[in-house]
Amino acid sequence: HRLKEVFHISEKIVVLKDGKYVTDVETPKTNEQE
């Protein structure tokens, strides 16, 4: 849940919401607010 860690260590981020896949994004191409 620590987004600063997520942006520091990952190349890719997969987002889930309410048990469903929302999106996956390349870490350098997104930001915390998005």
PDB file of all heavy atoms in Angstrom:
ATOM      1  N   HIS A   1       0.824  -1.202   0.000  1.00  0.00           N
ATOM      2  CA  HIS A   1       0.000   0.000   0.000  1.00  0.00           C
ATOM      3  C   HIS A   1       0.860   1.255   0.000  1.00  0.00           C
ATOM      4  O   HIS A   1       0.340   2.359  -0.111  1.00  0.00           O
ATOM      5  CB  HIS A   1      -0.902   0.023   1.233  1.00  0.00           C
ATOM      6  CG  HIS A   1      -1.933  -1.052   1.238  1.00  0.00           C
ATOM      7  ND1 HIS A   1      -2.824  -1.221   0.210  1.00  0.00           N
ATOM      8  CD2 HIS A   1      -2.217  -2.019   2.145  1.00  0.00           C
ATOM      9  CE1 HIS A   1      -3.627  -2.246   0.485  1.00  0.00           C
ATOM     10  NE2 HIS A   1      -3.269  -2.733   1.643  1.00  0.00           N
ATOM     11  N   ARG A   2       2.173   1.087   0.141  1.00  0.00           N
ATOM     12  CA  ARG A   2       3.076   2.223   0.188  1.00  0.00           C
ATOM     13  C   ARG A   2       3.506   2.570  -1.240  1.00  0.00           C
ATOM     14  O   ARG A   2       4.405   1.936  -1.810  1.00  0.00           O
ATOM     15  CB  ARG A   2       4.283   1.911   1.065  1.00  0.00           C
ATOM     16  CG  ARG A   2       3.896   1.612   2.520  1.00  0.00           C
ATOM     17  CD  ARG A   2       5.105   1.321   3.376  1.00  0.00           C
ATOM     18  NE  ARG A   2       4.743   1.124   4.761  1.00  0.00           N
ATOM     19  CZ  ARG A   2       5.620   0.929   5.753  1.00  0.00           C
ATOM     20  NH1 ARG A   2       6.917   0.925   5.476  1.00  0.00           N
ATOM     21  NH2 ARG A   2       5.210   0.745   6.993  1.00  0.00           N
ATOM     22  N   LEU A   3       2.860   3.565  -1.800  1.00  0.00           N
ATOM     23  CA  LEU A   3       3.055   3.861  -3.214  1.00  0.00           C
ATOM     24  C   LEU A   3       4.476   4.325  -3.522  1.00  0.00           C
ATOM     25  O   LEU A   3       4.983   4.082  -4.623  1.00  0.00           O
ATOM     26  CB  LEU A   3       2.031   4.897  -3.677  1.00  0.00           C
ATOM     27  CG  LEU A   3       0.565   4.450  -3.584  1.00  0.00           C
ATOM     28  CD1 LEU A   3      -0.347   5.487  -4.218  1.00  0.00           C
ATOM     29  CD2 LEU A   3       0.363   3.086  -4.239  1.00  0.00           C
ATOM     30  N   LYS A   4       5.121   4.991  -2.577  1.00  0.00           N
ATOM     31  CA  LYS A   4       6.508   5.411  -2.819  1.00  0.00           C
ATOM     32  C   LYS A   4       7.401   4.198  -3.046  1.00  0.00           C
ATOM     33  O   LYS A   4       8.289   4.220  -3.906  1.00  0.00           O
ATOM     34  CB  LYS A   4       7.020   6.247  -1.643  1.00  0.00           C
ATOM     35  CG  LYS A   4       6.406   7.639  -1.556  1.00  0.00           C
ATOM     36  CD  LYS A   4       7.003   8.458  -0.428  1.00  0.00           C
ATOM     37  CE  LYS A   4       6.380   9.852  -0.378  1.00  0.00           C
ATOM     38  NZ  LYS A   4       6.918  10.655   0.753  1.00  0.00           N
ATOM     39  N   GLU A   5       7.165   3.128  -2.287  1.00  0.00           N
ATOM     40  CA  GLU A   5       7.925   1.897  -2.473  1.00  0.00           C
ATOM     41  C   GLU A   5       7.630   1.288  -3.836  1.00  0.00           C
ATOM     42  O   GLU A   5       8.532   0.821  -4.538  1.00  0.00           O
ATOM     43  CB  GLU A   5       7.564   0.878  -1.380  1.00  0.00           C
ATOM     44  CG  GLU A   5       8.009   1.266   0.000  1.00  0.00           C
ATOM     45  CD  GLU A   5       7.594   0.211   1.021  1.00  0.00           C
ATOM     46  OE1 GLU A   5       7.081  -0.836   0.603  1.00  0.00           O
ATOM     47  OE2 GLU A   5       7.801   0.451   2.213  1.00  0.00           O
ATOM     48  N   VAL A   6       6.352   1.282  -4.206  1.00  0.00           N
ATOM     49  CA  VAL A   6       5.936   0.716  -5.483  1.00  0.00           C
ATOM     50  C   VAL A   6       6.663   1.396  -6.632  1.00  0.00           C
ATOM     51  O   VAL A   6       7.182   0.742  -7.550  1.00  0.00           O
ATOM     52  CB  VAL A   6       4.405   0.841  -5.657  1.00  0.00           C
ATOM     53  CG1 VAL A   6       3.990   0.575  -7.097  1.00  0.00           C
ATOM     54  CG2 VAL A   6       3.682  -0.114  -4.706  1.00  0.00           C
ATOM     55  N   PHE A   7       6.734   2.724  -6.593  1.00  0.00           N
ATOM     56  CA  PHE A   7       7.395   3.461  -7.670  1.00  0.00           C
ATOM     57  C   PHE A   7       8.910   3.287  -7.624  1.00  0.00           C
ATOM     58  O   PHE A   7       9.584   3.385  -8.651  1.00  0.00           O
ATOM     59  CB  PHE A   7       7.023   4.950  -7.598  1.00  0.00           C
ATOM     60  CG  PHE A   7       5.690   5.252  -8.199  1.00  0.00           C
ATOM     61  CD1 PHE A   7       4.546   5.261  -7.404  1.00  0.00           C
ATOM     62  CD2 PHE A   7       5.562   5.494  -9.554  1.00  0.00           C
ATOM     63  CE1 PHE A   7       3.303   5.522  -7.961  1.00  0.00           C
ATOM     64  CE2 PHE A   7       4.324   5.750 -10.118  1.00  0.00           C
ATOM     65  CZ  PHE A   7       3.184   5.767  -9.327  1.00  0.00           C
ATOM     66  N   HIS A   8       9.442   3.007  -6.450  1.00  0.00           N
ATOM     67  CA  HIS A   8      10.892   2.847  -6.316  1.00  0.00           C
ATOM     68  C   HIS A   8      11.372   1.491  -6.830  1.00  0.00           C
ATOM     69  O   HIS A   8      12.451   1.411  -7.445  1.00  0.00           O
ATOM     70  CB  HIS A   8      11.297   3.009  -4.843  1.00  0.00           C
ATOM     71  CG  HIS A   8      12.756   2.817  -4.589  1.00  0.00           C
ATOM     72  ND1 HIS A   8      13.700   3.763  -4.919  1.00  0.00           N
ATOM     73  CD2 HIS A   8      13.441   1.771  -4.051  1.00  0.00           C
ATOM     74  CE1 HIS A   8      14.904   3.319  -4.594  1.00  0.00           C
ATOM     75  NE2 HIS A   8      14.775   2.112  -4.068  1.00  0.00           N
ATOM     76  N   ILE A   9      10.586   0.442  -6.617  1.00  0.00           N
ATOM     77  CA  ILE A   9      11.098  -0.910  -6.829  1.00  0.00           C
ATOM     78  C   ILE A   9      10.553  -1.608  -8.064  1.00  0.00           C
ATOM     79  O   ILE A   9      11.148  -2.566  -8.555  1.00  0.00           O
ATOM     80  CB  ILE A   9      10.811  -1.777  -5.570  1.00  0.00           C
ATOM     81  CG1 ILE A   9      11.727  -2.999  -5.520  1.00  0.00           C
ATOM     82  CG2 ILE A   9       9.354  -2.187  -5.505  1.00  0.00           C
ATOM     83  CD1 ILE A   9      13.188  -2.663  -5.329  1.00  0.00           C
ATOM     84  N   SER A  10       9.413  -1.167  -8.616  1.00  0.00           N
ATOM     85  CA  SER A  10       8.754  -1.942  -9.677  1.00  0.00           C
ATOM     86  C   SER A  10       8.967  -1.368 -11.068  1.00  0.00           C
ATOM     87  O   SER A  10       9.268  -0.185 -11.230  1.00  0.00           O
ATOM     88  CB  SER A  10       7.246  -2.033  -9.396  1.00  0.00           C
ATOM     89  OG  SER A  10       6.623  -0.776  -9.584  1.00  0.00           O
ATOM     90  N   GLU A  11       8.791  -2.241 -12.082  1.00  0.00           N
ATOM     91  CA  GLU A  11       8.761  -1.808 -13.480  1.00  0.00           C
ATOM     92  C   GLU A  11       7.338  -1.745 -14.009  1.00  0.00           C
ATOM     93  O   GLU A  11       7.065  -1.063 -14.993  1.00  0.00           O
ATOM     94  CB  GLU A  11       9.540  -2.780 -14.374  1.00  0.00           C
ATOM     95  CG  GLU A  11      11.040  -2.732 -14.210  1.00  0.00           C
ATOM     96  CD  GLU A  11      11.516  -3.561 -13.037  1.00  0.00           C
ATOM     97  OE1 GLU A  11      10.996  -4.670 -12.847  1.00  0.00           O
ATOM     98  OE2 GLU A  11      12.384  -3.075 -12.294  1.00  0.00           O
ATOM     99  N   LYS A  12       6.445  -2.482 -13.332  1.00  0.00           N
ATOM    100  CA  LYS A  12       5.078  -2.609 -13.819  1.00  0.00           C
ATOM    101  C   LYS A  12       4.142  -2.653 -12.622  1.00  0.00           C
ATOM    102  O   LYS A  12       4.485  -3.197 -11.571  1.00  0.00           O
ATOM    103  CB  LYS A  12       4.962  -3.895 -14.650  1.00  0.00           C
ATOM    104  CG  LYS A  12       3.573  -4.322 -15.058  1.00  0.00           C
ATOM    105  CD  LYS A  12       3.682  -5.612 -15.856  1.00  0.00           C
ATOM    106  CE  LYS A  12       2.336  -6.231 -16.110  1.00  0.00           C
ATOM    107  NZ  LYS A  12       2.460  -7.485 -16.871  1.00  0.00           N
ATOM    108  N   ILE A  13       2.945  -2.064 -12.776  1.00  0.00           N
ATOM    109  CA  ILE A  13       1.964  -2.028 -11.695  1.00  0.00           C
ATOM    110  C   ILE A  13       0.637  -2.570 -12.214  1.00  0.00           C
ATOM    111  O   ILE A  13       0.131  -2.108 -13.243  1.00  0.00           O
ATOM    112  CB  ILE A  13       1.763  -0.599 -11.156  1.00  0.00           C
ATOM    113  CG1 ILE A  13       3.097   0.000 -10.699  1.00  0.00           C
ATOM    114  CG2 ILE A  13       0.746  -0.596 -10.007  1.00  0.00           C
ATOM    115  CD1 ILE A  13       3.022   1.484 -10.363  1.00  0.00           C
ATOM    116  N   VAL A  14       0.089  -3.554 -11.505  1.00  0.00           N
ATOM    117  CA  VAL A  14      -1.235  -4.099 -11.816  1.00  0.00           C
ATOM    118  C   VAL A  14      -2.208  -3.616 -10.747  1.00  0.00           C
ATOM    119  O   VAL A  14      -1.937  -3.738  -9.545  1.00  0.00           O
ATOM    120  CB  VAL A  14      -1.218  -5.643 -11.854  1.00  0.00           C
ATOM    121  CG1 VAL A  14      -2.638  -6.197 -11.992  1.00  0.00           C
ATOM    122  CG2 VAL A  14      -0.348  -6.131 -12.998  1.00  0.00           C
ATOM    123  N   VAL A  15      -3.344  -3.054 -11.154  1.00  0.00           N
ATOM    124  CA  VAL A  15      -4.335  -2.507 -10.232  1.00  0.00           C
ATOM    125  C   VAL A  15      -5.568  -3.406 -10.201  1.00  0.00           C
ATOM    126  O   VAL A  15      -6.124  -3.758 -11.251  1.00  0.00           O
ATOM    127  CB  VAL A  15      -4.752  -1.079 -10.645  1.00  0.00           C
ATOM    128  CG1 VAL A  15      -5.737  -0.502  -9.634  1.00  0.00           C
ATOM    129  CG2 VAL A  15      -3.528  -0.173 -10.784  1.00  0.00           C
ATOM    130  N   LEU A  16      -5.984  -3.779  -8.977  1.00  0.00           N
ATOM    131  CA  LEU A  16      -7.230  -4.512  -8.773  1.00  0.00           C
ATOM    132  C   LEU A  16      -8.200  -3.638  -7.989  1.00  0.00           C
ATOM    133  O   LEU A  16      -7.794  -2.848  -7.142  1.00  0.00           O
ATOM    134  CB  LEU A  16      -6.985  -5.809  -7.987  1.00  0.00           C
ATOM    135  CG  LEU A  16      -6.066  -6.866  -8.598  1.00  0.00           C
ATOM    136  CD1 LEU A  16      -5.987  -8.082  -7.678  1.00  0.00           C
ATOM    137  CD2 LEU A  16      -6.536  -7.288  -9.982  1.00  0.00           C
ATOM    138  N   LYS A  17      -9.482  -3.790  -8.273  1.00  0.00           N
ATOM    139  CA  LYS A  17     -10.523  -3.087  -7.516  1.00  0.00           C
ATOM    140  C   LYS A  17     -11.746  -3.972  -7.430  1.00  0.00           C
ATOM    141  O   LYS A  17     -12.248  -4.475  -8.444  1.00  0.00           O
ATOM    142  CB  LYS A  17     -10.884  -1.761  -8.181  1.00  0.00           C
ATOM    143  CG  LYS A  17     -12.008  -1.001  -7.450  1.00  0.00           C
ATOM    144  CD  LYS A  17     -12.231   0.371  -8.078  1.00  0.00           C
ATOM    145  CE  LYS A  17     -13.460   1.043  -7.475  1.00  0.00           C
ATOM    146  NZ  LYS A  17     -13.359   1.192  -6.003  1.00  0.00           N
ATOM    147  N   ASP A  18     -12.226  -4.204  -6.185  1.00  0.00           N
ATOM    148  CA  ASP A  18     -13.424  -5.021  -5.953  1.00  0.00           C
ATOM    149  C   ASP A  18     -13.323  -6.381  -6.634  1.00  0.00           C
ATOM    150  O   ASP A  18     -14.297  -6.898  -7.195  1.00  0.00           O
ATOM    151  CB  ASP A  18     -14.676  -4.290  -6.441  1.00  0.00           C
ATOM    152  CG  ASP A  18     -14.920  -2.991  -5.696  1.00  0.00           C
ATOM    153  OD1 ASP A  18     -14.558  -2.919  -4.502  1.00  0.00           O
ATOM    154  OD2 ASP A  18     -15.448  -2.043  -6.302  1.00  0.00           O
ATOM    155  N   GLY A  19     -12.130  -6.982  -6.590  1.00  0.00           N
ATOM    156  CA  GLY A  19     -11.947  -8.313  -7.145  1.00  0.00           C
ATOM    157  C   GLY A  19     -11.768  -8.360  -8.643  1.00  0.00           C
ATOM    158  O   GLY A  19     -11.672  -9.444  -9.226  1.00  0.00           O
ATOM    159  N   LYS A  20     -11.700  -7.206  -9.290  1.00  0.00           N
ATOM    160  CA  LYS A  20     -11.590  -7.162 -10.748  1.00  0.00           C
ATOM    161  C   LYS A  20     -10.270  -6.510 -11.172  1.00  0.00           C
ATOM    162  O   LYS A  20      -9.759  -5.626 -10.493  1.00  0.00           O
ATOM    163  CB  LYS A  20     -12.756  -6.371 -11.360  1.00  0.00           C
ATOM    164  CG  LYS A  20     -14.129  -6.967 -11.089  1.00  0.00           C
ATOM    165  CD  LYS A  20     -15.219  -6.062 -11.673  1.00  0.00           C
ATOM    166  CE  LYS A  20     -16.606  -6.603 -11.387  1.00  0.00           C
ATOM    167  NZ  LYS A  20     -17.663  -5.700 -11.910  1.00  0.00           N
ATOM    168  N   TYR A  21      -9.771  -6.981 -12.310  1.00  0.00           N
ATOM    169  CA  TYR A  21      -8.607  -6.349 -12.926  1.00  0.00           C
ATOM    170  C   TYR A  21      -9.023  -4.999 -13.492  1.00  0.00           C
ATOM    171  O   TYR A  21     -10.019  -4.893 -14.211  1.00  0.00           O
ATOM    172  CB  TYR A  21      -8.073  -7.263 -14.029  1.00  0.00           C
ATOM    173  CG  TYR A  21      -7.091  -6.614 -14.978  1.00  0.00           C
ATOM    174  CD1 TYR A  21      -5.727  -6.601 -14.695  1.00  0.00           C
ATOM    175  CD2 TYR A  21      -7.527  -6.020 -16.159  1.00  0.00           C
ATOM    176  CE1 TYR A  21      -4.823  -6.011 -15.570  1.00  0.00           C
ATOM    177  CE2 TYR A  21      -6.633  -5.434 -17.042  1.00  0.00           C
ATOM    178  CZ  TYR A  21      -5.289  -5.430 -16.748  1.00  0.00           C
ATOM    179  OH  TYR A  21      -4.403  -4.846 -17.611  1.00  0.00           O
ATOM    180  N   VAL A  22      -8.273  -3.941 -13.151  1.00  0.00           N
ATOM    181  CA  VAL A  22      -8.567  -2.598 -13.664  1.00  0.00           C
ATOM    182  C   VAL A  22      -7.636  -2.247 -14.814  1.00  0.00           C
ATOM    183  O   VAL A  22      -8.075  -1.916 -15.915  1.00  0.00           O
ATOM    184  CB  VAL A  22      -8.449  -1.537 -12.548  1.00  0.00           C
ATOM    185  CG1 VAL A  22      -8.664  -0.135 -13.119  1.00  0.00           C
ATOM    186  CG2 VAL A  22      -9.446  -1.821 -11.435  1.00  0.00           C
ATOM    187  N   THR A  23      -6.335  -2.341 -14.555  1.00  0.00           N
ATOM    188  CA  THR A  23      -5.359  -1.995 -15.591  1.00  0.00           C
ATOM    189  C   THR A  23      -3.980  -2.446 -15.144  1.00  0.00           C
ATOM    190  O   THR A  23      -3.771  -2.786 -13.971  1.00  0.00           O
ATOM    191  CB  THR A  23      -5.335  -0.467 -15.848  1.00  0.00           C
ATOM    192  OG1 THR A  23      -4.520  -0.185 -16.981  1.00  0.00           O
ATOM    193  CG2 THR A  23      -4.780   0.284 -14.647  1.00  0.00           C
ATOM    194  N   ASP A  24      -3.036  -2.478 -16.084  1.00  0.00           N
ATOM    195  CA  ASP A  24      -1.626  -2.559 -15.705  1.00  0.00           C
ATOM    196  C   ASP A  24      -0.882  -1.499 -16.495  1.00  0.00           C
ATOM    197  O   ASP A  24      -1.197  -1.227 -17.654  1.00  0.00           O
ATOM    198  CB  ASP A  24      -1.043  -3.955 -15.920  1.00  0.00           C
ATOM    199  CG  ASP A  24      -1.043  -4.391 -17.364  1.00  0.00           C
ATOM    200  OD1 ASP A  24      -0.135  -3.987 -18.106  1.00  0.00           O
ATOM    201  OD2 ASP A  24      -1.955  -5.148 -17.752  1.00  0.00           O
ATOM    202  N   VAL A  25       0.065  -0.867 -15.815  1.00  0.00           N
ATOM    203  CA  VAL A  25       0.791   0.257 -16.403  1.00  0.00           C
ATOM    204  C   VAL A  25       2.282   0.106 -16.137  1.00  0.00           C
ATOM    205  O   VAL A  25       2.689  -0.481 -15.134  1.00  0.00           O
ATOM    206  CB  VAL A  25       0.309   1.610 -15.821  1.00  0.00           C
ATOM    207  CG1 VAL A  25      -1.101   1.914 -16.258  1.00  0.00           C
ATOM    208  CG2 VAL A  25       0.401   1.604 -14.293  1.00  0.00           C
ATOM    209  N   GLU A  26       3.083   0.622 -17.043  1.00  0.00           N
ATOM    210  CA  GLU A  26       4.522   0.689 -16.800  1.00  0.00           C
ATOM    211  C   GLU A  26       4.768   1.773 -15.759  1.00  0.00           C
ATOM    212  O   GLU A  26       4.260   2.891 -15.881  1.00  0.00           O
ATOM    213  CB  GLU A  26       5.261   1.005 -18.099  1.00  0.00           C
ATOM    214  CG  GLU A  26       5.174  -0.091 -19.137  1.00  0.00           C
ATOM    215  CD  GLU A  26       5.908   0.295 -20.411  1.00  0.00           C
ATOM    216  OE1 GLU A  26       6.944   0.993 -20.301  1.00  0.00           O
ATOM    217  OE2 GLU A  26       5.431  -0.083 -21.495  1.00  0.00           O
ATOM    218  N   THR A  27       5.528   1.436 -14.733  1.00  0.00           N
ATOM    219  CA  THR A  27       5.719   2.343 -13.600  1.00  0.00           C
ATOM    220  C   THR A  27       6.198   3.737 -13.992  1.00  0.00           C
ATOM    221  O   THR A  27       5.647   4.739 -13.505  1.00  0.00           O
ATOM    222  CB  THR A  27       6.690   1.719 -12.578  1.00  0.00           C
ATOM    223  OG1 THR A  27       6.205   0.418 -12.207  1.00  0.00           O
ATOM    224  CG2 THR A  27       6.806   2.572 -11.337  1.00  0.00           C
ATOM    225  N   PRO A  28       7.174   3.868 -14.901  1.00  0.00           N
ATOM    226  CA  PRO A  28       7.635   5.225 -15.246  1.00  0.00           C
ATOM    227  C   PRO A  28       6.588   6.065 -15.979  1.00  0.00           C
ATOM    228  O   PRO A  28       6.746   7.285 -16.076  1.00  0.00           O
ATOM    229  CB  PRO A  28       8.849   4.964 -16.152  1.00  0.00           C
ATOM    230  CG  PRO A  28       9.249   3.552 -15.889  1.00  0.00           C
ATOM    231  CD  PRO A  28       7.993   2.830 -15.566  1.00  0.00           C
ATOM    232  N   LYS A  29       5.530   5.425 -16.487  1.00  0.00           N
ATOM    233  CA  LYS A  29       4.542   6.140 -17.289  1.00  0.00           C
ATOM    234  C   LYS A  29       3.302   6.546 -16.501  1.00  0.00           C
ATOM    235  O   LYS A  29       2.294   6.938 -17.085  1.00  0.00           O
ATOM    236  CB  LYS A  29       4.141   5.294 -18.499  1.00  0.00           C
ATOM    237  CG  LYS A  29       5.283   5.060 -19.485  1.00  0.00           C
ATOM    238  CD  LYS A  29       4.824   4.271 -20.693  1.00  0.00           C
ATOM    239  CE  LYS A  29       5.972   4.075 -21.684  1.00  0.00           C
ATOM    240  NZ  LYS A  29       5.542   3.294 -22.880  1.00  0.00           N
ATOM    241  N   THR A  30       3.352   6.430 -15.159  1.00  0.00           N
ATOM    242  CA  THR A  30       2.206   6.849 -14.346  1.00  0.00           C
ATOM    243  C   THR A  30       2.713   7.625 -13.140  1.00  0.00           C
ATOM    244  O   THR A  30       3.904   7.866 -12.991  1.00  0.00           O
ATOM    245  CB  THR A  30       1.366   5.623 -13.902  1.00  0.00           C
ATOM    246  OG1 THR A  30       0.166   6.083 -13.256  1.00  0.00           O
ATOM    247  CG2 THR A  30       2.142   4.735 -12.955  1.00  0.00           C
ATOM    248  N   ASN A  31       1.801   8.036 -12.271  1.00  0.00           N
ATOM    249  CA  ASN A  31       2.172   8.758 -11.058  1.00  0.00           C
ATOM    250  C   ASN A  31       1.204   8.383  -9.940  1.00  0.00           C
ATOM    251  O   ASN A  31       0.229   7.660 -10.168  1.00  0.00           O
ATOM    252  CB  ASN A  31       2.173  10.275 -11.288  1.00  0.00           C
ATOM    253  CG  ASN A  31       0.831  10.771 -11.817  1.00  0.00           C
ATOM    254  OD1 ASN A  31      -0.218  10.568 -11.206  1.00  0.00           O
ATOM    255  ND2 ASN A  31       0.856  11.422 -12.983  1.00  0.00           N
ATOM    256  N   GLU A  32       1.485   8.873  -8.734  1.00  0.00           N
ATOM    257  CA  GLU A  32       0.683   8.472  -7.572  1.00  0.00           C
ATOM    258  C   GLU A  32      -0.778   8.872  -7.720  1.00  0.00           C
ATOM    259  O   GLU A  32      -1.677   8.089  -7.405  1.00  0.00           O
ATOM    260  CB  GLU A  32       1.278   9.057  -6.283  1.00  0.00           C
ATOM    261  CG  GLU A  32       2.564   8.395  -5.848  1.00  0.00           C
ATOM    262  CD  GLU A  32       2.937   8.729  -4.411  1.00  0.00           C
ATOM    263  OE1 GLU A  32       2.023   9.119  -3.647  1.00  0.00           O
ATOM    264  OE2 GLU A  32       4.115   8.585  -4.051  1.00  0.00           O
ATOM    265  N   GLN A  33      -1.033  10.081  -8.156  1.00  0.00           N
ATOM    266  CA  GLN A  33      -2.416  10.544  -8.258  1.00  0.00           C
ATOM    267  C   GLN A  33      -3.218   9.718  -9.259  1.00  0.00           C
ATOM    268  O   GLN A  33      -4.375   9.371  -9.014  1.00  0.00           O
ATOM    269  CB  GLN A  33      -2.447  12.032  -8.653  1.00  0.00           C
ATOM    270  CG  GLN A  33      -2.053  12.980  -7.538  1.00  0.00           C
ATOM    271  CD  GLN A  33      -2.924  12.820  -6.296  1.00  0.00           C
ATOM    272  OE1 GLN A  33      -4.139  12.720  -6.379  1.00  0.00           O
ATOM    273  NE2 GLN A  33      -2.281  12.768  -5.129  1.00  0.00           N
ATOM    274  N   GLU A  34      -2.610   9.392 -10.389  1.00  0.00           N
ATOM    275  CA  GLU A  34      -3.292   8.572 -11.382  1.00  0.00           C
ATOM    276  C   GLU A  34      -3.556   7.171 -10.832  1.00  0.00           C
ATOM    277  O   GLU A  34      -4.633   6.596 -11.026  1.00  0.00           O
ATOM    278  CB  GLU A  34      -2.455   8.480 -12.656  1.00  0.00           C
ATOM    279  CG  GLU A  34      -3.153   7.715 -13.789  1.00  0.00           C
ATOM    280  CD  GLU A  34      -2.321   7.656 -15.054  1.00  0.00           C
ATOM    281  OE1 GLU A  34      -1.106   7.353 -14.947  1.00  0.00           O
ATOM    282  OE2 GLU A  34      -2.878   7.922 -16.124  1.00  0.00           O
TER     283      GLU A  34
END
